[in-house]
Amino acid sequence: MTDSTYDPYANRIVDKPISNFGAFISVIKCVVGTGVLALPLAFSYAGTILGIILLIAIAFILIHGINIICMVEASRREKVGYTNFPDSMAYCFSQGPKCFRYIAKAAGYVADIVLCIAHYGICVVYIVFVASNVRNALDRYFHIGDIRYYIAIIGILSIPTFCIIHLKYLVPLNFIANLLIYVGFGMIFYYIFQNLPPFTDRSFVGDPLKLPQFFGIALFSISSVGVFLAIEAKMAKPQRFIGWFGVLVIASIVILISYITFGIFGYWRYGEEVKGSLTLNLPDEPVSMAIKIILAIDVFLSFPLSGYVVINIIMTHFWNKSGDLKRAVLKEIILRIGFVLFATINGVAFPNLGPLLSLVGAFSLSLLNLVFPAFMEICLYYPAEFTYGRCKWKLVKDILMISLGLLILIQGTVFSIIDMAVAY
């Protein structure tokens, strides 16, 4: 039996910690970004009523998934101050049935790879989003032409902010970005409330065949597992992150209210004509141009936060795992520059925003939010001295989470790839 008196939080040492408020600001920023502007499109897939129900369910599952990633419990059992996600996954698998124990070490590497793919994909989407909105705002004045030129320019301009190494120093940027995006939302509602059609003109329940795309966009919009974990790891009081009144729950409520309001009203106003980013539905006039520029700046400032996860994994889990790498700062900056250039090239190759959003959400975030946490909990409570609860409700719940995650993974990925193939 594990020592339940051991407190990992009391034994955690954090370099350059962030406050609860800094964590709250960072959680809001890492979630509220390009994804929220695609939510009206997601609601066009699911319908108004079903969309609200499913979005609330996804938010609940997200919070639950973060809580059962079990890093605190893994740290308690191993009697260490902090265990990162891949190490926790490897430990949990080592406690499970024999077939899981054989792949425990590999499971940790898989967690790292999927985290990197997820946040790399988010960074590509961010570059494409900023480029799309800047192009829409400036095309009436400067005809540069193909969006790929804009993507290349935005990618290069992202390099200086992406070279900020410590998460603590990104908090001011995140605060400014949060202010900008909510100002932009307020300005968008100026257009949304003009000539609203009857609400009954919109579907209450959408096409069931389109639900995987809804889940893909919604998961992309409402989840950023790697950043959540990075924020928790850098908090001065990490015990305040999870729990009923923790930073994650309070931030999630604010985010959920914002998302439902924006998704419903955006779909209500534009219906089936809504595009991959709502800003692309706005008319070509000065106010809408200002909105696009504001939101583009917001997402531009958000880019370093999402990319932080990938760089942190590469540096701390692989390249500088021992902590004695010579000229580590210089090498990390070179890595960051290379990351931005590679993401930019990827954006140039696939500049279509809608399918890209859905693909990233369906492929990687379904694994991080549903499949991995469920497998971890199953293995963690497998030993004889533990229990899955009355009627094994934890086991049943985890099996349902895995089934849902795999369904979203397969269907969402297939539909997104088909959409991308049609587009190109």
Protein backbone atom coordinates (compact mmCIF):
# COMPACT_ATOMS: atom_id res chain seq x y z
CA MET A 1 0.00 0.00 0.00
CA THR A 2 1.25 3.48 -0.86
CA ASP A 3 2.23 5.95 1.84
CA SER A 4 -0.81 8.26 1.84
CA THR A 5 0.91 10.69 4.22
CA TYR A 6 3.58 11.69 1.71
CA ASP A 7 2.85 15.14 0.21
CA PRO A 8 4.52 15.64 -3.22
CA TYR A 9 3.65 19.35 -3.21
CA ALA A 10 5.65 19.93 -0.03
CA ASN A 11 8.68 18.35 -1.67
CA ARG A 12 8.49 20.13 -5.04
CA ILE A 13 11.17 22.66 -6.00
CA VAL A 14 10.12 25.10 -8.74
CA ASP A 15 12.52 27.36 -10.63
CA LYS A 16 11.00 30.79 -11.38
CA PRO A 17 7.46 29.91 -10.13
CA ILE A 18 4.28 31.64 -11.29
CA SER A 19 1.43 32.84 -9.04
CA ASN A 20 -2.16 31.54 -9.00
CA PHE A 21 -3.23 34.62 -10.95
CA GLY A 22 -0.45 34.09 -13.47
CA ALA A 23 -1.59 30.47 -13.84
CA PHE A 24 -5.21 31.60 -14.32
CA ILE A 25 -4.22 34.09 -17.01
CA SER A 26 -2.07 31.49 -18.75
CA VAL A 27 -4.83 28.84 -18.70
CA ILE A 28 -7.31 31.30 -20.23
CA LYS A 29 -4.78 32.26 -22.86
CA CYS A 30 -3.70 28.76 -23.81
CA VAL A 31 -7.34 27.76 -24.40
CA VAL A 32 -9.06 30.87 -25.76
CA GLY A 33 -7.47 31.35 -29.16
CA THR A 34 -8.13 30.40 -32.76
CA GLY A 35 -10.36 27.51 -31.74
CA VAL A 36 -13.11 29.75 -30.34
CA LEU A 37 -13.49 31.42 -33.74
CA ALA A 38 -14.16 28.02 -35.29
CA LEU A 39 -16.87 27.12 -32.75
CA PRO A 40 -19.72 28.59 -34.85
CA LEU A 41 -18.64 26.13 -37.57
CA ALA A 42 -18.65 23.35 -34.97
CA PHE A 43 -22.20 24.31 -33.93
CA SER A 44 -23.25 24.16 -37.58
CA TYR A 45 -22.20 20.49 -37.48
CA ALA A 46 -23.90 19.62 -34.16
CA GLY A 47 -26.81 22.06 -33.96
CA THR A 48 -27.56 24.59 -31.23
CA ILE A 49 -29.01 22.44 -28.46
CA LEU A 50 -26.87 19.35 -29.04
CA GLY A 51 -23.80 21.58 -29.46
CA ILE A 52 -24.29 23.12 -25.99
CA ILE A 53 -24.76 19.72 -24.36
CA LEU A 54 -21.72 18.21 -26.08
CA LEU A 55 -19.50 21.22 -25.35
CA ILE A 56 -20.33 21.07 -21.63
CA ALA A 57 -19.68 17.32 -21.66
CA ILE A 58 -16.31 17.83 -23.36
CA ALA A 59 -15.33 20.47 -20.78
CA PHE A 60 -16.27 18.11 -17.94
CA ILE A 61 -14.32 15.25 -19.52
CA LEU A 62 -11.33 17.55 -20.02
CA ILE A 63 -11.24 18.60 -16.37
CA HIS A 64 -11.73 15.02 -15.28
CA GLY A 65 -8.97 13.83 -17.63
CA ILE A 66 -6.49 16.35 -16.23
CA ASN A 67 -7.37 15.24 -12.71
CA ILE A 68 -6.87 11.53 -13.48
CA ILE A 69 -3.64 11.92 -15.41
CA CYS A 70 -2.49 10.90 -11.95
CA MET A 71 0.83 12.71 -11.79
CA VAL A 72 0.23 13.64 -8.14
CA GLU A 73 -0.69 10.07 -7.21
CA ALA A 74 2.28 8.73 -9.16
CA SER A 75 4.56 11.21 -7.36
CA ARG A 76 3.10 10.18 -4.00
CA ARG A 77 3.69 6.50 -4.65
CA GLU A 78 7.24 7.11 -5.87
CA LYS A 79 7.87 9.64 -3.07
CA VAL A 80 9.15 12.41 -5.32
CA GLY A 81 8.11 16.05 -5.57
CA TYR A 82 7.09 16.00 -9.23
CA THR A 83 6.54 13.44 -11.98
CA ASN A 84 6.02 14.67 -15.53
CA PHE A 85 3.34 13.27 -17.85
CA PRO A 86 5.42 10.65 -19.74
CA ASP A 87 7.09 9.41 -16.55
CA SER A 88 3.68 9.20 -14.88
CA MET A 89 2.30 7.26 -17.82
CA ALA A 90 5.26 4.87 -17.73
CA TYR A 91 4.83 4.39 -13.97
CA CYS A 92 1.06 3.80 -14.27
CA PHE A 93 1.55 1.23 -17.04
CA SER A 94 4.16 -0.53 -14.88
CA GLN A 95 1.44 -1.04 -12.24
CA GLY A 96 -1.07 -2.54 -14.66
CA PRO A 97 -1.61 -5.99 -16.21
CA LYS A 98 1.40 -7.82 -17.63
CA CYS A 99 0.73 -6.68 -21.22
CA PHE A 100 0.89 -3.05 -20.06
CA ARG A 101 4.08 -3.60 -18.07
CA TYR A 102 5.90 -4.78 -21.18
CA ILE A 103 5.19 -1.46 -22.93
CA ALA A 104 5.49 0.85 -19.90
CA LYS A 105 8.71 2.53 -21.05
CA ALA A 106 7.42 2.86 -24.63
CA ALA A 107 4.17 4.40 -23.31
CA GLY A 108 6.16 7.29 -21.83
CA TYR A 109 7.78 7.98 -25.20
CA VAL A 110 4.39 7.77 -26.93
CA ALA A 111 3.01 10.38 -24.50
CA ASP A 112 5.89 12.71 -25.36
CA ILE A 113 5.43 12.19 -29.11
CA VAL A 114 1.68 12.82 -29.04
CA LEU A 115 2.12 15.92 -26.86
CA CYS A 116 4.66 17.26 -29.34
CA ILE A 117 2.43 16.49 -32.34
CA ALA A 118 -0.57 18.14 -30.66
CA HIS A 119 1.18 21.38 -29.77
CA TYR A 120 3.16 21.49 -32.97
CA GLY A 121 -0.16 21.23 -34.83
CA ILE A 122 -1.60 24.05 -32.72
CA CYS A 123 1.39 26.24 -33.58
CA VAL A 124 0.91 25.58 -37.31
CA VAL A 125 -2.77 26.52 -36.99
CA TYR A 126 -1.81 29.72 -35.15
CA ILE A 127 0.55 30.82 -37.92
CA VAL A 128 -2.06 30.07 -40.61
CA PHE A 129 -4.77 31.88 -38.62
CA VAL A 130 -2.69 35.03 -38.14
CA ALA A 131 -1.70 35.02 -41.80
CA SER A 132 -5.31 34.54 -42.97
CA ASN A 133 -6.59 37.45 -40.92
CA VAL A 134 -3.73 39.81 -41.78
CA ARG A 135 -4.24 38.98 -45.44
CA ASN A 136 -7.97 39.69 -45.22
CA ALA A 137 -7.28 42.99 -43.48
CA LEU A 138 -4.56 44.20 -45.84
CA ASP A 139 -5.59 42.80 -49.21
CA ARG A 140 -7.67 45.87 -49.99
CA TYR A 141 -4.51 47.99 -49.65
CA PHE A 142 -1.62 45.68 -50.55
CA HIS A 143 -2.07 42.83 -53.01
CA ILE A 144 0.71 40.48 -52.02
CA GLY A 145 -1.28 37.59 -53.45
CA ASP A 146 -1.11 34.02 -52.22
CA ILE A 147 -1.69 33.47 -48.49
CA ARG A 148 1.51 31.44 -48.41
CA TYR A 149 3.53 34.65 -48.61
CA TYR A 150 1.74 35.94 -45.51
CA ILE A 151 2.36 32.66 -43.67
CA ALA A 152 6.08 32.92 -44.43
CA ILE A 153 6.26 36.53 -43.18
CA ILE A 154 4.27 35.82 -39.98
CA GLY A 155 6.44 32.77 -39.27
CA ILE A 156 9.64 34.78 -39.47
CA LEU A 157 8.18 37.57 -37.29
CA SER A 158 7.27 34.96 -34.63
CA ILE A 159 10.89 34.08 -33.96
CA PRO A 160 11.78 36.88 -31.45
CA THR A 161 8.85 36.21 -29.05
CA PHE A 162 9.31 32.46 -29.38
CA CYS A 163 12.86 32.85 -28.07
CA ILE A 164 11.49 33.80 -24.60
CA ILE A 165 12.56 30.71 -22.66
CA HIS A 166 10.88 30.91 -19.23
CA LEU A 167 7.11 30.47 -18.82
CA LYS A 168 7.02 33.13 -16.09
CA TYR A 169 8.10 35.83 -18.55
CA LEU A 170 5.26 34.93 -20.91
CA VAL A 171 2.58 35.93 -18.36
CA PRO A 172 2.57 39.65 -19.37
CA LEU A 173 2.19 38.66 -23.03
CA ASN A 174 -0.65 36.30 -22.07
CA PHE A 175 -2.41 39.06 -20.10
CA ILE A 176 -2.23 41.47 -23.06
CA ALA A 177 -3.42 38.73 -25.40
CA ASN A 178 -6.43 37.98 -23.16
CA LEU A 179 -7.44 41.64 -23.16
CA LEU A 180 -7.13 41.82 -26.93
CA ILE A 181 -9.18 38.72 -27.66
CA TYR A 182 -12.12 39.78 -25.46
CA VAL A 183 -12.04 43.26 -27.01
CA GLY A 184 -12.14 41.55 -30.39
CA PHE A 185 -15.07 39.36 -29.30
CA GLY A 186 -17.01 42.43 -28.19
CA MET A 187 -16.43 44.07 -31.57
CA ILE A 188 -17.49 40.91 -33.43
CA PHE A 189 -20.84 40.97 -31.63
CA TYR A 190 -21.46 44.36 -33.29
CA TYR A 191 -21.81 42.41 -36.53
CA ILE A 192 -23.44 39.31 -35.08
CA PHE A 193 -26.40 41.26 -33.66
CA GLN A 194 -27.16 42.89 -37.01
CA ASN A 195 -29.98 41.23 -38.98
CA LEU A 196 -30.22 38.14 -36.79
CA PRO A 197 -32.55 35.60 -38.44
CA PRO A 198 -35.18 33.72 -36.40
CA PHE A 199 -33.46 31.28 -34.04
CA THR A 200 -35.72 28.49 -35.30
CA ASP A 201 -34.03 28.78 -38.71
CA ARG A 202 -31.03 27.04 -37.23
CA SER A 203 -30.79 23.30 -36.57
CA PHE A 204 -31.24 22.23 -32.97
CA VAL A 205 -29.59 18.88 -33.74
CA GLY A 206 -27.08 18.58 -36.58
CA ASP A 207 -26.10 15.83 -39.00
CA PRO A 208 -24.81 12.79 -37.01
CA LEU A 209 -22.20 12.15 -39.72
CA LYS A 210 -20.70 15.58 -38.99
CA LEU A 211 -20.34 15.01 -35.24
CA PRO A 212 -16.73 13.75 -35.49
CA GLN A 213 -15.79 17.11 -37.03
CA PHE A 214 -17.62 18.88 -34.20
CA PHE A 215 -15.63 16.88 -31.66
CA GLY A 216 -12.39 17.59 -33.50
CA ILE A 217 -12.92 21.37 -33.49
CA ALA A 218 -14.32 21.38 -29.93
CA LEU A 219 -11.41 19.35 -28.56
CA PHE A 220 -8.97 21.62 -30.34
CA SER A 221 -10.77 24.69 -28.99
CA ILE A 222 -11.17 23.72 -25.37
CA SER A 223 -8.06 21.70 -24.61
CA SER A 224 -4.38 22.31 -24.30
CA VAL A 225 -3.20 19.45 -22.08
CA GLY A 226 0.52 20.03 -22.48
CA VAL A 227 0.27 23.70 -21.49
CA PHE A 228 -2.01 22.85 -18.55
CA LEU A 229 0.60 20.46 -17.23
CA ALA A 230 3.44 22.91 -17.87
CA ILE A 231 1.56 25.63 -15.97
CA GLU A 232 0.85 23.31 -13.02
CA ALA A 233 4.52 22.29 -12.94
CA LYS A 234 5.63 25.93 -12.66
CA MET A 235 3.11 27.14 -10.05
CA ALA A 236 4.30 28.38 -6.68
CA LYS A 237 1.24 26.64 -5.15
CA PRO A 238 0.50 23.74 -7.55
CA GLN A 239 -2.04 22.24 -5.12
CA ARG A 240 -4.33 25.14 -6.09
CA PHE A 241 -4.45 24.05 -9.74
CA ILE A 242 -6.90 21.13 -9.57
CA GLY A 243 -9.90 20.55 -7.30
CA TRP A 244 -13.44 21.95 -7.24
CA PHE A 245 -12.31 25.53 -6.66
CA GLY A 246 -8.91 25.27 -8.32
CA VAL A 247 -7.47 27.45 -11.05
CA LEU A 248 -8.39 24.93 -13.76
CA VAL A 249 -12.09 24.72 -12.82
CA ILE A 250 -12.58 28.48 -12.39
CA ALA A 251 -10.82 29.20 -15.69
CA SER A 252 -12.83 26.45 -17.42
CA ILE A 253 -16.12 28.01 -16.30
CA VAL A 254 -15.09 31.40 -17.74
CA ILE A 255 -13.96 29.71 -20.94
CA LEU A 256 -17.11 27.58 -21.28
CA ILE A 257 -19.45 30.58 -20.89
CA SER A 258 -17.44 32.48 -23.50
CA TYR A 259 -17.43 29.53 -25.89
CA ILE A 260 -21.14 28.73 -25.71
CA THR A 261 -22.07 32.38 -26.18
CA PHE A 262 -19.74 32.85 -29.13
CA GLY A 263 -20.53 29.52 -30.79
CA ILE A 264 -24.31 29.89 -30.54
CA PHE A 265 -24.50 33.50 -31.68
CA GLY A 266 -21.98 33.00 -34.47
CA TYR A 267 -23.93 30.06 -35.89
CA TRP A 268 -27.24 31.86 -35.33
CA ARG A 269 -26.05 34.84 -37.38
CA TYR A 270 -24.30 33.09 -40.28
CA GLY A 271 -25.88 29.62 -40.35
CA GLU A 272 -24.50 27.18 -42.88
CA GLU A 273 -22.45 29.98 -44.47
CA VAL A 274 -20.17 30.20 -41.43
CA LYS A 275 -16.50 29.66 -42.24
CA GLY A 276 -13.55 27.98 -40.52
CA SER A 277 -12.80 31.23 -38.68
CA LEU A 278 -15.71 33.59 -37.97
CA THR A 279 -13.55 36.58 -38.86
CA LEU A 280 -13.64 35.39 -42.47
CA ASN A 281 -17.43 36.01 -42.49
CA LEU A 282 -17.05 39.67 -41.54
CA PRO A 283 -17.61 42.32 -44.24
CA ASP A 284 -14.78 44.20 -45.88
CA GLU A 285 -14.87 47.47 -43.93
CA PRO A 286 -12.65 49.34 -41.42
CA VAL A 287 -14.22 47.96 -38.20
CA SER A 288 -13.90 44.35 -39.36
CA MET A 289 -10.35 45.04 -40.49
CA ALA A 290 -9.55 46.29 -36.98
CA ILE A 291 -11.10 43.13 -35.48
CA LYS A 292 -8.98 40.89 -37.67
CA ILE A 293 -5.81 42.76 -36.77
CA ILE A 294 -6.63 42.67 -33.01
CA LEU A 295 -7.30 38.93 -33.06
CA ALA A 296 -4.26 38.29 -35.22
CA ILE A 297 -2.08 40.12 -32.67
CA ASP A 298 -3.70 38.11 -29.86
CA VAL A 299 -2.93 34.77 -31.50
CA PHE A 300 0.54 35.99 -32.51
CA LEU A 301 1.28 36.63 -28.82
CA SER A 302 -0.15 33.19 -27.93
CA PHE A 303 2.23 31.29 -30.21
CA PRO A 304 5.15 31.09 -27.68
CA LEU A 305 2.89 29.54 -24.99
CA SER A 306 1.79 26.61 -27.17
CA GLY A 307 5.25 26.03 -28.59
CA TYR A 308 6.74 26.06 -25.08
CA VAL A 309 5.46 22.52 -24.51
CA VAL A 310 7.31 21.04 -27.48
CA ILE A 311 10.59 22.77 -26.71
CA ASN A 312 10.36 21.87 -23.02
CA ILE A 313 9.84 18.18 -23.87
CA ILE A 314 12.75 18.09 -26.32
CA MET A 315 15.13 19.87 -23.94
CA THR A 316 14.23 18.34 -20.56
CA HIS A 317 13.23 14.83 -21.66
CA PHE A 318 15.83 14.20 -24.35
CA TRP A 319 18.52 16.71 -25.33
CA ASN A 320 19.32 18.11 -21.86
CA LYS A 321 17.82 15.40 -19.67
CA SER A 322 20.82 15.31 -17.33
CA GLY A 323 20.92 19.12 -17.05
CA ASP A 324 24.61 19.42 -17.91
CA LEU A 325 24.36 20.29 -21.63
CA LYS A 326 27.02 22.84 -22.58
CA ARG A 327 25.68 26.17 -23.92
CA ALA A 328 22.16 24.93 -23.22
CA VAL A 329 20.53 28.35 -23.66
CA LEU A 330 22.16 28.95 -27.05
CA LYS A 331 21.21 25.49 -28.26
CA GLU A 332 17.63 25.92 -27.06
CA ILE A 333 17.34 29.21 -28.95
CA ILE A 334 18.63 27.50 -32.11
CA LEU A 335 16.06 24.73 -31.54
CA ARG A 336 13.31 27.32 -31.13
CA ILE A 337 14.25 29.08 -34.36
CA GLY A 338 14.29 25.76 -36.19
CA PHE A 339 10.88 24.87 -34.73
CA VAL A 340 9.31 28.12 -35.97
CA LEU A 341 10.79 27.71 -39.45
CA PHE A 342 9.57 24.11 -39.71
CA ALA A 343 6.05 25.05 -38.53
CA THR A 344 6.03 27.88 -41.06
CA ILE A 345 6.94 25.52 -43.91
CA ASN A 346 4.16 23.18 -42.76
CA GLY A 347 1.69 26.09 -42.79
CA VAL A 348 2.77 27.06 -46.29
CA ALA A 349 2.12 23.49 -47.43
CA PHE A 350 -1.36 23.24 -45.79
CA PRO A 351 -2.93 26.70 -45.45
CA ASN A 352 -6.58 25.54 -45.24
CA LEU A 353 -7.67 26.34 -41.66
CA GLY A 354 -10.90 24.35 -41.13
CA PRO A 355 -9.69 20.77 -41.83
CA LEU A 356 -6.38 21.54 -40.10
CA LEU A 357 -8.18 22.49 -36.88
CA SER A 358 -10.28 19.35 -36.93
CA LEU A 359 -7.34 17.07 -37.77
CA VAL A 360 -5.19 18.32 -34.88
CA GLY A 361 -8.09 18.06 -32.43
CA ALA A 362 -9.26 14.63 -33.55
CA PHE A 363 -5.85 12.97 -33.87
CA SER A 364 -3.87 14.09 -30.87
CA LEU A 365 -6.14 15.74 -28.34
CA SER A 366 -8.59 12.82 -28.23
CA LEU A 367 -5.65 10.70 -27.11
CA LEU A 368 -4.43 13.20 -24.52
CA ASN A 369 -7.84 14.02 -23.05
CA LEU A 370 -9.56 10.65 -23.18
CA VAL A 371 -7.52 7.59 -24.09
CA PHE A 372 -4.27 8.13 -22.18
CA PRO A 373 -5.79 9.31 -18.85
CA ALA A 374 -8.25 6.40 -18.88
CA PHE A 375 -5.53 3.81 -19.48
CA MET A 376 -3.42 5.41 -16.75
CA GLU A 377 -6.21 5.18 -14.18
CA ILE A 378 -7.00 1.58 -15.14
CA CYS A 379 -3.38 0.58 -14.57
CA LEU A 380 -2.87 2.70 -11.47
CA TYR A 381 -5.68 0.97 -9.59
CA TYR A 382 -5.00 -2.52 -10.97
CA PRO A 383 -2.80 -3.81 -8.09
CA ALA A 384 -4.66 -5.97 -5.56
CA GLU A 385 -4.33 -3.42 -2.73
CA PHE A 386 -6.39 -0.88 -4.70
CA THR A 387 -9.96 -0.91 -5.99
CA TYR A 388 -11.98 0.49 -8.90
CA GLY A 389 -14.83 1.38 -6.51
CA ARG A 390 -18.28 -0.09 -6.05
CA CYS A 391 -19.38 -2.15 -9.08
CA LYS A 392 -16.00 -1.21 -10.59
CA TRP A 393 -17.44 2.12 -11.73
CA LYS A 394 -14.00 3.61 -12.40
CA LEU A 395 -13.15 0.76 -14.76
CA VAL A 396 -16.48 1.10 -16.61
CA LYS A 397 -16.04 4.86 -16.89
CA ASP A 398 -12.49 4.50 -18.21
CA ILE A 399 -13.55 1.94 -20.82
CA LEU A 400 -16.25 4.37 -22.03
CA MET A 401 -13.68 7.17 -22.21
CA ILE A 402 -11.32 4.99 -24.26
CA SER A 403 -14.14 3.96 -26.62
CA LEU A 404 -15.23 7.56 -27.15
CA GLY A 405 -11.65 8.72 -27.65
CA LEU A 406 -10.90 6.05 -30.25
CA LEU A 407 -14.16 6.80 -32.09
CA ILE A 408 -13.29 10.51 -32.29
CA LEU A 409 -9.72 9.65 -33.25
CA ILE A 410 -10.64 7.37 -36.15
CA GLN A 411 -13.70 9.17 -37.54
CA GLY A 412 -12.39 12.70 -36.97
CA THR A 413 -9.03 11.95 -38.55
CA VAL A 414 -10.59 10.23 -41.58
CA PHE A 415 -13.12 13.03 -42.19
CA SER A 416 -10.46 15.74 -41.78
CA ILE A 417 -8.08 14.03 -44.21
CA ILE A 418 -10.90 13.64 -46.73
CA ASP A 419 -11.73 17.38 -46.38
CA MET A 420 -8.05 18.26 -46.89
CA ALA A 421 -7.83 15.99 -49.94
CA VAL A 422 -10.93 17.62 -51.45
CA ALA A 423 -9.53 21.09 -50.74
CA TYR A 424 -6.26 20.34 -52.51
